[in-house]
Amino acid sequence: MRRIAIIGQGPGAEFVPDDLEKWGFPWTKDYSLDLYFEIHARDTPAWDYYGKDPAEFFGDFPSVVYLLDELEGAENTREYPLGEAMKLSGDYLECSVSYALALAIMESVAEINLFGISGNDKYATQRPNIEYLIGFARGRGIVVNVEDDSLLLKSEFPSGRYGID
């Protein structure tokens, strides 16, 4: 049974159990993960973070880094299966976490755990897409767990249901 954790940089990221496969993002510079996602286009300011030689930066990672396309000089980079992901979710992929969720669904993992992904602050616009993909995964029988401190899958109503409060 394949169980993964998708790890953001928010509160709760430090609570990932050791027995999960760990997926995350290269800008964290956490070299202990099993899989990374950098889905920003190369001509965007996000890539300025990687300096003059992105191939050298990504080459330091011990495992696969998914990019929109492979990066020459970084043998551990792979092209993200965007066509397959778009068949799954249409054009509705709003953030890096969404790309990770889509891949987990495509690979039919048994369990997805989200840590350090709060769904608040500047990422509030990405929250609906993450929640959509959580529902999609659950609809396919994949167990999805969200840490308690996250706003994901939380109602604004104290009871959690409209019409009660």
N, C-alpha and C. Protein backbone atom coordinates (compact mmCIF):
# COMPACT_ATOMS: atom_id res chain seq x y z
N MET A 1 0.83 -1.18 0.00
CA MET A 1 0.00 0.00 0.00
C MET A 1 0.88 1.25 0.00
N ARG A 2 0.76 2.04 -1.02
CA ARG A 2 1.60 3.23 -1.15
C ARG A 2 0.95 4.42 -0.44
N ARG A 3 1.68 4.98 0.52
CA ARG A 3 1.20 6.10 1.32
C ARG A 3 2.18 7.25 1.16
N ILE A 4 1.66 8.44 0.83
CA ILE A 4 2.54 9.58 0.61
C ILE A 4 2.15 10.76 1.50
N ALA A 5 3.10 11.67 1.66
CA ALA A 5 2.86 12.97 2.29
C ALA A 5 3.25 14.03 1.28
N ILE A 6 2.37 14.98 1.06
CA ILE A 6 2.70 16.16 0.27
C ILE A 6 2.96 17.26 1.29
N ILE A 7 4.15 17.83 1.24
CA ILE A 7 4.62 18.71 2.31
C ILE A 7 4.84 20.13 1.80
N GLY A 8 4.11 21.07 2.39
CA GLY A 8 4.31 22.48 2.10
C GLY A 8 5.24 23.10 3.12
N GLN A 9 5.26 24.42 3.16
CA GLN A 9 6.15 25.13 4.08
C GLN A 9 5.41 25.73 5.26
N GLY A 10 4.12 25.49 5.37
CA GLY A 10 3.34 26.08 6.44
C GLY A 10 3.45 25.31 7.74
N PRO A 11 2.71 25.79 8.74
CA PRO A 11 2.68 25.09 10.03
C PRO A 11 2.22 23.64 9.85
N GLY A 12 2.86 22.76 10.57
CA GLY A 12 2.53 21.34 10.50
C GLY A 12 3.47 20.54 9.63
N ALA A 13 4.30 21.21 8.84
CA ALA A 13 5.22 20.50 7.95
C ALA A 13 6.22 19.65 8.74
N GLU A 14 6.44 20.03 9.97
CA GLU A 14 7.42 19.31 10.78
C GLU A 14 6.87 18.02 11.40
N PHE A 15 5.59 17.73 11.19
CA PHE A 15 4.97 16.57 11.83
C PHE A 15 4.81 15.36 10.91
N VAL A 16 5.52 15.29 9.81
CA VAL A 16 5.37 14.19 8.86
C VAL A 16 5.98 12.91 9.45
N PRO A 17 5.19 11.85 9.53
CA PRO A 17 5.74 10.58 10.03
C PRO A 17 6.80 10.01 9.09
N ASP A 18 7.74 9.29 9.64
CA ASP A 18 8.84 8.73 8.86
C ASP A 18 8.41 7.63 7.91
N ASP A 19 7.26 7.01 8.15
CA ASP A 19 6.86 5.86 7.34
C ASP A 19 6.12 6.24 6.05
N LEU A 20 6.08 7.52 5.72
CA LEU A 20 5.41 7.97 4.49
C LEU A 20 6.44 8.34 3.42
N GLU A 21 6.09 8.10 2.17
CA GLU A 21 6.88 8.60 1.05
C GLU A 21 6.66 10.12 1.02
N LYS A 22 7.73 10.89 0.91
CA LYS A 22 7.64 12.35 1.06
C LYS A 22 7.81 13.07 -0.28
N TRP A 23 6.79 13.87 -0.62
CA TRP A 23 6.80 14.68 -1.84
C TRP A 23 6.78 16.15 -1.43
N GLY A 24 7.54 16.97 -2.16
CA GLY A 24 7.57 18.38 -1.82
C GLY A 24 8.12 19.22 -2.95
N PHE A 25 8.78 20.31 -2.57
CA PHE A 25 9.13 21.35 -3.53
C PHE A 25 10.58 21.78 -3.34
N PRO A 26 11.31 21.99 -4.43
CA PRO A 26 12.76 22.23 -4.32
C PRO A 26 13.13 23.52 -3.62
N TRP A 27 12.25 24.52 -3.63
CA TRP A 27 12.62 25.79 -3.00
C TRP A 27 12.75 25.65 -1.48
N THR A 28 12.29 24.55 -0.92
CA THR A 28 12.47 24.31 0.52
C THR A 28 13.91 23.91 0.82
N LYS A 29 14.63 23.46 -0.19
CA LYS A 29 16.00 22.96 -0.05
C LYS A 29 16.09 21.82 0.95
N ASP A 30 15.01 21.08 1.07
CA ASP A 30 14.99 19.88 1.91
C ASP A 30 15.42 18.72 1.02
N TYR A 31 16.62 18.23 1.23
CA TYR A 31 17.19 17.20 0.37
C TYR A 31 16.80 15.79 0.80
N SER A 32 15.85 15.67 1.71
CA SER A 32 15.48 14.35 2.20
C SER A 32 14.20 13.80 1.57
N LEU A 33 13.61 14.53 0.63
CA LEU A 33 12.33 14.10 0.05
C LEU A 33 12.52 13.06 -1.04
N ASP A 34 11.45 12.34 -1.32
CA ASP A 34 11.48 11.28 -2.32
C ASP A 34 11.10 11.77 -3.72
N LEU A 35 10.44 12.93 -3.80
CA LEU A 35 9.97 13.46 -5.08
C LEU A 35 9.74 14.95 -4.93
N TYR A 36 10.08 15.71 -5.99
CA TYR A 36 9.95 17.17 -5.97
C TYR A 36 9.15 17.64 -7.19
N PHE A 37 8.54 18.82 -7.04
CA PHE A 37 7.77 19.44 -8.11
C PHE A 37 8.18 20.89 -8.26
N GLU A 38 8.59 21.29 -9.46
CA GLU A 38 8.81 22.70 -9.81
C GLU A 38 8.06 22.93 -11.12
N ILE A 39 6.87 23.47 -11.00
CA ILE A 39 5.97 23.53 -12.13
C ILE A 39 5.92 24.93 -12.76
N HIS A 40 6.65 25.89 -12.23
CA HIS A 40 6.68 27.23 -12.82
C HIS A 40 7.42 27.20 -14.15
N ALA A 41 6.93 27.96 -15.12
CA ALA A 41 7.62 28.08 -16.41
C ALA A 41 8.99 28.72 -16.20
N ARG A 42 9.96 28.33 -17.00
CA ARG A 42 11.34 28.81 -16.82
C ARG A 42 11.52 30.30 -17.04
N ASP A 43 10.62 30.91 -17.77
CA ASP A 43 10.78 32.34 -18.03
C ASP A 43 10.04 33.21 -17.02
N THR A 44 9.64 32.62 -15.89
CA THR A 44 8.97 33.37 -14.84
C THR A 44 9.96 33.73 -13.73
N PRO A 45 9.65 34.76 -12.95
CA PRO A 45 10.55 35.17 -11.86
C PRO A 45 10.82 34.06 -10.84
N ALA A 46 9.94 33.07 -10.74
CA ALA A 46 10.16 31.98 -9.78
C ALA A 46 11.50 31.30 -10.03
N TRP A 47 11.92 31.23 -11.27
CA TRP A 47 13.18 30.55 -11.60
C TRP A 47 14.40 31.39 -11.22
N ASP A 48 14.25 32.66 -10.94
CA ASP A 48 15.38 33.48 -10.50
C ASP A 48 15.96 32.93 -9.21
N TYR A 49 15.14 32.25 -8.43
CA TYR A 49 15.57 31.67 -7.16
C TYR A 49 16.70 30.67 -7.35
N TYR A 50 16.73 30.00 -8.49
CA TYR A 50 17.69 28.92 -8.70
C TYR A 50 19.04 29.40 -9.22
N GLY A 51 19.20 30.68 -9.42
CA GLY A 51 20.49 31.25 -9.79
C GLY A 51 20.81 31.08 -11.26
N LYS A 52 22.08 31.27 -11.58
CA LYS A 52 22.52 31.27 -12.97
C LYS A 52 22.53 29.89 -13.60
N ASP A 53 22.63 28.84 -12.79
CA ASP A 53 22.70 27.49 -13.33
C ASP A 53 21.67 26.58 -12.66
N PRO A 54 20.41 26.63 -13.11
CA PRO A 54 19.38 25.78 -12.51
C PRO A 54 19.72 24.28 -12.59
N ALA A 55 20.43 23.86 -13.63
CA ALA A 55 20.78 22.44 -13.76
C ALA A 55 21.66 22.02 -12.59
N GLU A 56 22.57 22.88 -12.18
CA GLU A 56 23.42 22.58 -11.04
C GLU A 56 22.59 22.53 -9.76
N PHE A 57 21.67 23.48 -9.60
CA PHE A 57 20.80 23.51 -8.42
C PHE A 57 20.00 22.22 -8.32
N PHE A 58 19.30 21.86 -9.40
CA PHE A 58 18.45 20.66 -9.38
C PHE A 58 19.28 19.38 -9.35
N GLY A 59 20.47 19.41 -9.91
CA GLY A 59 21.34 18.25 -9.90
C GLY A 59 21.75 17.82 -8.51
N ASP A 60 21.68 18.73 -7.54
CA ASP A 60 22.04 18.41 -6.16
C ASP A 60 20.96 17.59 -5.44
N PHE A 61 19.76 17.53 -6.02
CA PHE A 61 18.69 16.80 -5.36
C PHE A 61 18.87 15.30 -5.57
N PRO A 62 18.65 14.50 -4.52
CA PRO A 62 18.93 13.06 -4.59
C PRO A 62 17.85 12.25 -5.31
N SER A 63 16.75 12.86 -5.63
CA SER A 63 15.66 12.12 -6.27
C SER A 63 15.05 12.94 -7.40
N VAL A 64 14.02 12.40 -8.00
CA VAL A 64 13.42 13.00 -9.20
C VAL A 64 12.77 14.35 -8.88
N VAL A 65 12.98 15.30 -9.81
CA VAL A 65 12.33 16.60 -9.77
C VAL A 65 11.48 16.71 -11.03
N TYR A 66 10.16 16.85 -10.85
CA TYR A 66 9.27 17.04 -11.99
C TYR A 66 9.24 18.50 -12.38
N LEU A 67 9.50 18.76 -13.66
CA LEU A 67 9.43 20.10 -14.24
C LEU A 67 8.44 20.05 -15.40
N LEU A 68 8.12 21.21 -15.96
CA LEU A 68 7.25 21.20 -17.14
C LEU A 68 7.92 20.48 -18.30
N ASP A 69 9.26 20.52 -18.32
CA ASP A 69 10.02 19.71 -19.27
C ASP A 69 11.39 19.44 -18.65
N GLU A 70 12.05 18.38 -19.11
CA GLU A 70 13.34 18.01 -18.53
C GLU A 70 14.35 19.13 -18.72
N LEU A 71 15.29 19.20 -17.82
CA LEU A 71 16.31 20.24 -17.84
C LEU A 71 17.64 19.61 -18.23
N GLU A 72 18.17 20.03 -19.35
CA GLU A 72 19.45 19.50 -19.81
C GLU A 72 20.53 19.76 -18.76
N GLY A 73 21.29 18.73 -18.46
CA GLY A 73 22.36 18.84 -17.48
C GLY A 73 21.94 18.42 -16.07
N ALA A 74 20.66 18.16 -15.88
CA ALA A 74 20.16 17.68 -14.58
C ALA A 74 19.45 16.36 -14.84
N GLU A 75 20.18 15.27 -14.70
CA GLU A 75 19.67 13.94 -15.07
C GLU A 75 18.48 13.48 -14.22
N ASN A 76 18.30 14.09 -13.07
CA ASN A 76 17.20 13.68 -12.17
C ASN A 76 15.90 14.43 -12.47
N THR A 77 15.87 15.30 -13.48
CA THR A 77 14.63 15.99 -13.81
C THR A 77 13.81 15.17 -14.80
N ARG A 78 12.51 15.27 -14.66
CA ARG A 78 11.58 14.56 -15.54
C ARG A 78 10.49 15.52 -15.98
N GLU A 79 9.96 15.27 -17.15
CA GLU A 79 8.85 16.07 -17.63
C GLU A 79 7.57 15.63 -16.92
N TYR A 80 6.88 16.60 -16.34
CA TYR A 80 5.62 16.31 -15.66
C TYR A 80 4.59 15.86 -16.70
N PRO A 81 3.82 14.83 -16.41
CA PRO A 81 2.82 14.33 -17.38
C PRO A 81 1.59 15.24 -17.45
N LEU A 82 1.79 16.43 -17.97
CA LEU A 82 0.75 17.45 -17.98
C LEU A 82 -0.48 17.03 -18.77
N GLY A 83 -0.29 16.41 -19.92
CA GLY A 83 -1.42 15.97 -20.71
C GLY A 83 -2.33 15.02 -19.95
N GLU A 84 -1.72 14.08 -19.24
CA GLU A 84 -2.50 13.13 -18.45
C GLU A 84 -3.20 13.83 -17.29
N ALA A 85 -2.50 14.78 -16.66
CA ALA A 85 -3.10 15.53 -15.54
C ALA A 85 -4.28 16.36 -16.03
N MET A 86 -4.18 16.93 -17.22
CA MET A 86 -5.27 17.75 -17.75
C MET A 86 -6.47 16.89 -18.13
N LYS A 87 -6.23 15.66 -18.53
CA LYS A 87 -7.35 14.74 -18.76
C LYS A 87 -8.09 14.48 -17.45
N LEU A 88 -7.36 14.47 -16.37
CA LEU A 88 -7.92 14.22 -15.05
C LEU A 88 -8.71 15.43 -14.54
N SER A 89 -8.11 16.62 -14.63
CA SER A 89 -8.69 17.79 -13.96
C SER A 89 -9.06 18.92 -14.91
N GLY A 90 -8.94 18.71 -16.21
CA GLY A 90 -9.16 19.82 -17.13
C GLY A 90 -8.01 20.80 -17.01
N ASP A 91 -8.30 22.05 -17.17
CA ASP A 91 -7.27 23.09 -17.04
C ASP A 91 -7.18 23.61 -15.61
N TYR A 92 -7.74 22.88 -14.66
CA TYR A 92 -7.86 23.37 -13.30
C TYR A 92 -6.72 22.83 -12.43
N LEU A 93 -5.55 23.41 -12.60
CA LEU A 93 -4.38 23.12 -11.77
C LEU A 93 -3.82 24.47 -11.33
N GLU A 94 -4.11 24.87 -10.11
CA GLU A 94 -3.86 26.23 -9.65
C GLU A 94 -2.57 26.44 -8.87
N CYS A 95 -1.88 25.37 -8.49
CA CYS A 95 -0.68 25.54 -7.68
C CYS A 95 0.16 24.26 -7.71
N SER A 96 1.35 24.34 -7.18
CA SER A 96 2.25 23.19 -7.16
C SER A 96 1.65 22.01 -6.40
N VAL A 97 0.95 22.29 -5.32
CA VAL A 97 0.30 21.22 -4.55
C VAL A 97 -0.71 20.48 -5.42
N SER A 98 -1.42 21.22 -6.27
CA SER A 98 -2.40 20.60 -7.16
C SER A 98 -1.73 19.63 -8.14
N TYR A 99 -0.58 20.00 -8.65
CA TYR A 99 0.15 19.11 -9.56
C TYR A 99 0.58 17.84 -8.82
N ALA A 100 1.02 18.00 -7.57
CA ALA A 100 1.40 16.83 -6.78
C ALA A 100 0.18 15.94 -6.51
N LEU A 101 -0.94 16.56 -6.15
CA LEU A 101 -2.17 15.79 -5.93
C LEU A 101 -2.59 15.05 -7.19
N ALA A 102 -2.54 15.73 -8.32
CA ALA A 102 -2.94 15.10 -9.59
C ALA A 102 -2.05 13.89 -9.88
N LEU A 103 -0.74 14.01 -9.67
CA LEU A 103 0.15 12.86 -9.91
C LEU A 103 -0.18 11.71 -8.96
N ALA A 104 -0.45 12.02 -7.71
CA ALA A 104 -0.79 10.97 -6.74
C ALA A 104 -2.07 10.24 -7.18
N ILE A 105 -3.03 10.98 -7.68
CA ILE A 105 -4.27 10.38 -8.17
C ILE A 105 -3.97 9.52 -9.39
N MET A 106 -3.17 10.04 -10.33
CA MET A 106 -2.84 9.29 -11.54
C MET A 106 -2.10 8.00 -11.21
N GLU A 107 -1.27 8.04 -10.16
CA GLU A 107 -0.51 6.86 -9.76
C GLU A 107 -1.30 5.96 -8.80
N SER A 108 -2.53 6.31 -8.54
CA SER A 108 -3.42 5.51 -7.69
C SER A 108 -2.80 5.14 -6.35
N VAL A 109 -2.16 6.12 -5.69
CA VAL A 109 -1.64 5.84 -4.35
C VAL A 109 -2.82 5.50 -3.44
N ALA A 110 -2.57 4.79 -2.38
CA ALA A 110 -3.63 4.38 -1.47
C ALA A 110 -4.02 5.49 -0.49
N GLU A 111 -3.02 6.32 -0.12
CA GLU A 111 -3.27 7.33 0.91
C GLU A 111 -2.43 8.56 0.64
N ILE A 112 -3.06 9.72 0.72
CA ILE A 112 -2.39 11.02 0.58
C ILE A 112 -2.55 11.76 1.90
N ASN A 113 -1.46 12.26 2.42
CA ASN A 113 -1.47 13.05 3.66
C ASN A 113 -0.90 14.43 3.34
N LEU A 114 -1.59 15.47 3.77
CA LEU A 114 -1.16 16.84 3.50
C LEU A 114 -0.65 17.49 4.78
N PHE A 115 0.60 17.96 4.74
CA PHE A 115 1.23 18.61 5.88
C PHE A 115 1.78 19.96 5.45
N GLY A 116 1.63 20.97 6.28
CA GLY A 116 2.19 22.29 5.98
C GLY A 116 1.48 22.99 4.83
N ILE A 117 0.26 22.60 4.56
CA ILE A 117 -0.54 23.20 3.48
C ILE A 117 -1.79 23.75 4.14
N SER A 118 -1.75 25.03 4.48
CA SER A 118 -2.79 25.59 5.33
C SER A 118 -4.03 26.06 4.60
N GLY A 119 -3.90 26.48 3.34
CA GLY A 119 -5.06 26.98 2.62
C GLY A 119 -5.47 28.37 3.06
N ASN A 120 -4.60 29.10 3.74
CA ASN A 120 -4.93 30.46 4.15
C ASN A 120 -3.93 31.45 3.58
N ASP A 121 -3.99 32.67 4.02
CA ASP A 121 -3.10 33.74 3.62
C ASP A 121 -3.05 33.91 2.12
N LYS A 122 -1.84 34.03 1.56
CA LYS A 122 -1.71 34.29 0.12
C LYS A 122 -2.10 33.10 -0.74
N TYR A 123 -2.26 31.94 -0.14
CA TYR A 123 -2.63 30.75 -0.90
C TYR A 123 -4.13 30.48 -0.89
N ALA A 124 -4.89 31.40 -0.33
CA ALA A 124 -6.34 31.21 -0.23
C ALA A 124 -6.98 31.01 -1.60
N THR A 125 -6.43 31.62 -2.64
CA THR A 125 -7.01 31.45 -3.98
C THR A 125 -6.75 30.06 -4.53
N GLN A 126 -5.77 29.35 -3.99
CA GLN A 126 -5.45 28.00 -4.44
C GLN A 126 -6.25 26.94 -3.67
N ARG A 127 -6.80 27.33 -2.56
CA ARG A 127 -7.52 26.39 -1.71
C ARG A 127 -8.65 25.65 -2.43
N PRO A 128 -9.51 26.34 -3.20
CA PRO A 128 -10.59 25.60 -3.86
C PRO A 128 -10.09 24.49 -4.79
N ASN A 129 -8.98 24.73 -5.49
CA ASN A 129 -8.45 23.72 -6.39
C ASN A 129 -7.90 22.53 -5.63
N ILE A 130 -7.22 22.79 -4.54
CA ILE A 130 -6.71 21.70 -3.70
C ILE A 130 -7.88 20.88 -3.17
N GLU A 131 -8.92 21.56 -2.69
CA GLU A 131 -10.08 20.85 -2.15
C GLU A 131 -10.81 20.07 -3.24
N TYR A 132 -10.87 20.63 -4.44
CA TYR A 132 -11.49 19.90 -5.57
C TYR A 132 -10.75 18.59 -5.80
N LEU A 133 -9.41 18.65 -5.84
CA LEU A 133 -8.63 17.44 -6.10
C LEU A 133 -8.68 16.45 -4.93
N ILE A 134 -8.83 16.96 -3.71
CA ILE A 134 -9.03 16.06 -2.57
C ILE A 134 -10.32 15.29 -2.77
N GLY A 135 -11.39 15.99 -3.15
CA GLY A 135 -12.66 15.32 -3.40
C GLY A 135 -12.57 14.34 -4.55
N PHE A 136 -11.84 14.71 -5.59
CA PHE A 136 -11.64 13.82 -6.73
C PHE A 136 -10.94 12.54 -6.29
N ALA A 137 -9.88 12.71 -5.49
CA ALA A 137 -9.13 11.55 -4.98
C ALA A 137 -10.02 10.66 -4.12
N ARG A 138 -10.76 11.28 -3.22
CA ARG A 138 -11.65 10.50 -2.35
C ARG A 138 -12.71 9.77 -3.17
N GLY A 139 -13.18 10.42 -4.23
CA GLY A 139 -14.15 9.77 -5.10
C GLY A 139 -13.59 8.54 -5.79
N ARG A 140 -12.29 8.49 -5.93
CA ARG A 140 -11.63 7.32 -6.52
C ARG A 140 -11.20 6.31 -5.47
N GLY A 141 -11.59 6.54 -4.23
CA GLY A 141 -11.28 5.59 -3.17
C GLY A 141 -9.94 5.80 -2.49
N ILE A 142 -9.27 6.91 -2.78
CA ILE A 142 -7.98 7.22 -2.15
C ILE A 142 -8.26 7.90 -0.81
N VAL A 143 -7.64 7.43 0.24
CA VAL A 143 -7.76 8.07 1.55
C VAL A 143 -6.94 9.36 1.50
N VAL A 144 -7.56 10.47 1.91
CA VAL A 144 -6.84 11.75 1.97
C VAL A 144 -7.00 12.30 3.38
N ASN A 145 -5.87 12.54 4.03
CA ASN A 145 -5.85 13.10 5.38
C ASN A 145 -5.25 14.49 5.33
N VAL A 146 -5.87 15.40 6.06
CA VAL A 146 -5.41 16.78 6.16
C VAL A 146 -5.13 17.06 7.62
N GLU A 147 -3.97 17.63 7.90
CA GLU A 147 -3.63 17.91 9.30
C GLU A 147 -4.68 18.84 9.93
N ASP A 148 -4.88 18.70 11.22
CA ASP A 148 -5.93 19.42 11.93
C ASP A 148 -5.82 20.94 11.85
N ASP A 149 -4.62 21.48 11.82
CA ASP A 149 -4.45 22.93 11.83
C ASP A 149 -4.70 23.58 10.48
N SER A 150 -4.82 22.82 9.44
CA SER A 150 -5.06 23.35 8.11
C SER A 150 -6.49 23.84 7.98
N LEU A 151 -6.68 24.85 7.13
CA LEU A 151 -8.03 25.32 6.83
C LEU A 151 -8.69 24.50 5.73
N LEU A 152 -7.92 23.62 5.10
CA LEU A 152 -8.49 22.79 4.04
C LEU A 152 -9.63 21.94 4.59
N LEU A 153 -10.71 21.87 3.83
CA LEU A 153 -11.89 21.08 4.18
C LEU A 153 -12.54 21.53 5.49
N LYS A 154 -12.35 22.79 5.84
CA LYS A 154 -12.97 23.35 7.05
C LYS A 154 -14.07 24.31 6.64
N SER A 155 -15.18 24.24 7.35
CA SER A 155 -16.32 25.12 7.12
C SER A 155 -16.17 26.42 7.90
N GLU A 156 -16.80 27.46 7.41
CA GLU A 156 -16.85 28.72 8.15
C GLU A 156 -17.89 28.65 9.27
N PHE A 157 -18.75 27.65 9.23
CA PHE A 157 -19.81 27.50 10.23
C PHE A 157 -19.32 26.62 11.37
N PRO A 158 -19.59 27.00 12.64
CA PRO A 158 -19.12 26.19 13.77
C PRO A 158 -19.54 24.72 13.70
N SER A 159 -20.73 24.45 13.21
CA SER A 159 -21.17 23.05 13.14
C SER A 159 -20.59 22.35 11.92
N GLY A 160 -20.09 23.14 10.97
CA GLY A 160 -19.58 22.58 9.74
C GLY A 160 -20.63 22.44 8.66
N ARG A 161 -21.86 22.87 8.97
CA ARG A 161 -22.96 22.71 8.00
C ARG A 161 -23.76 23.99 7.88
N TYR A 162 -24.08 24.32 6.66
CA TYR A 162 -24.95 25.45 6.37
C TYR A 162 -26.35 25.17 6.91
N GLY A 163 -27.00 26.21 7.41
CA GLY A 163 -28.37 26.10 7.87
C GLY A 163 -28.53 25.67 9.31
N ILE A 164 -27.45 25.27 9.95
CA ILE A 164 -27.52 24.83 11.33
C ILE A 164 -27.17 25.99 12.27
N ASP A 165 -26.15 26.74 11.91
CA ASP A 165 -25.67 27.84 12.76
C ASP A 165 -26.31 29.16 12.37
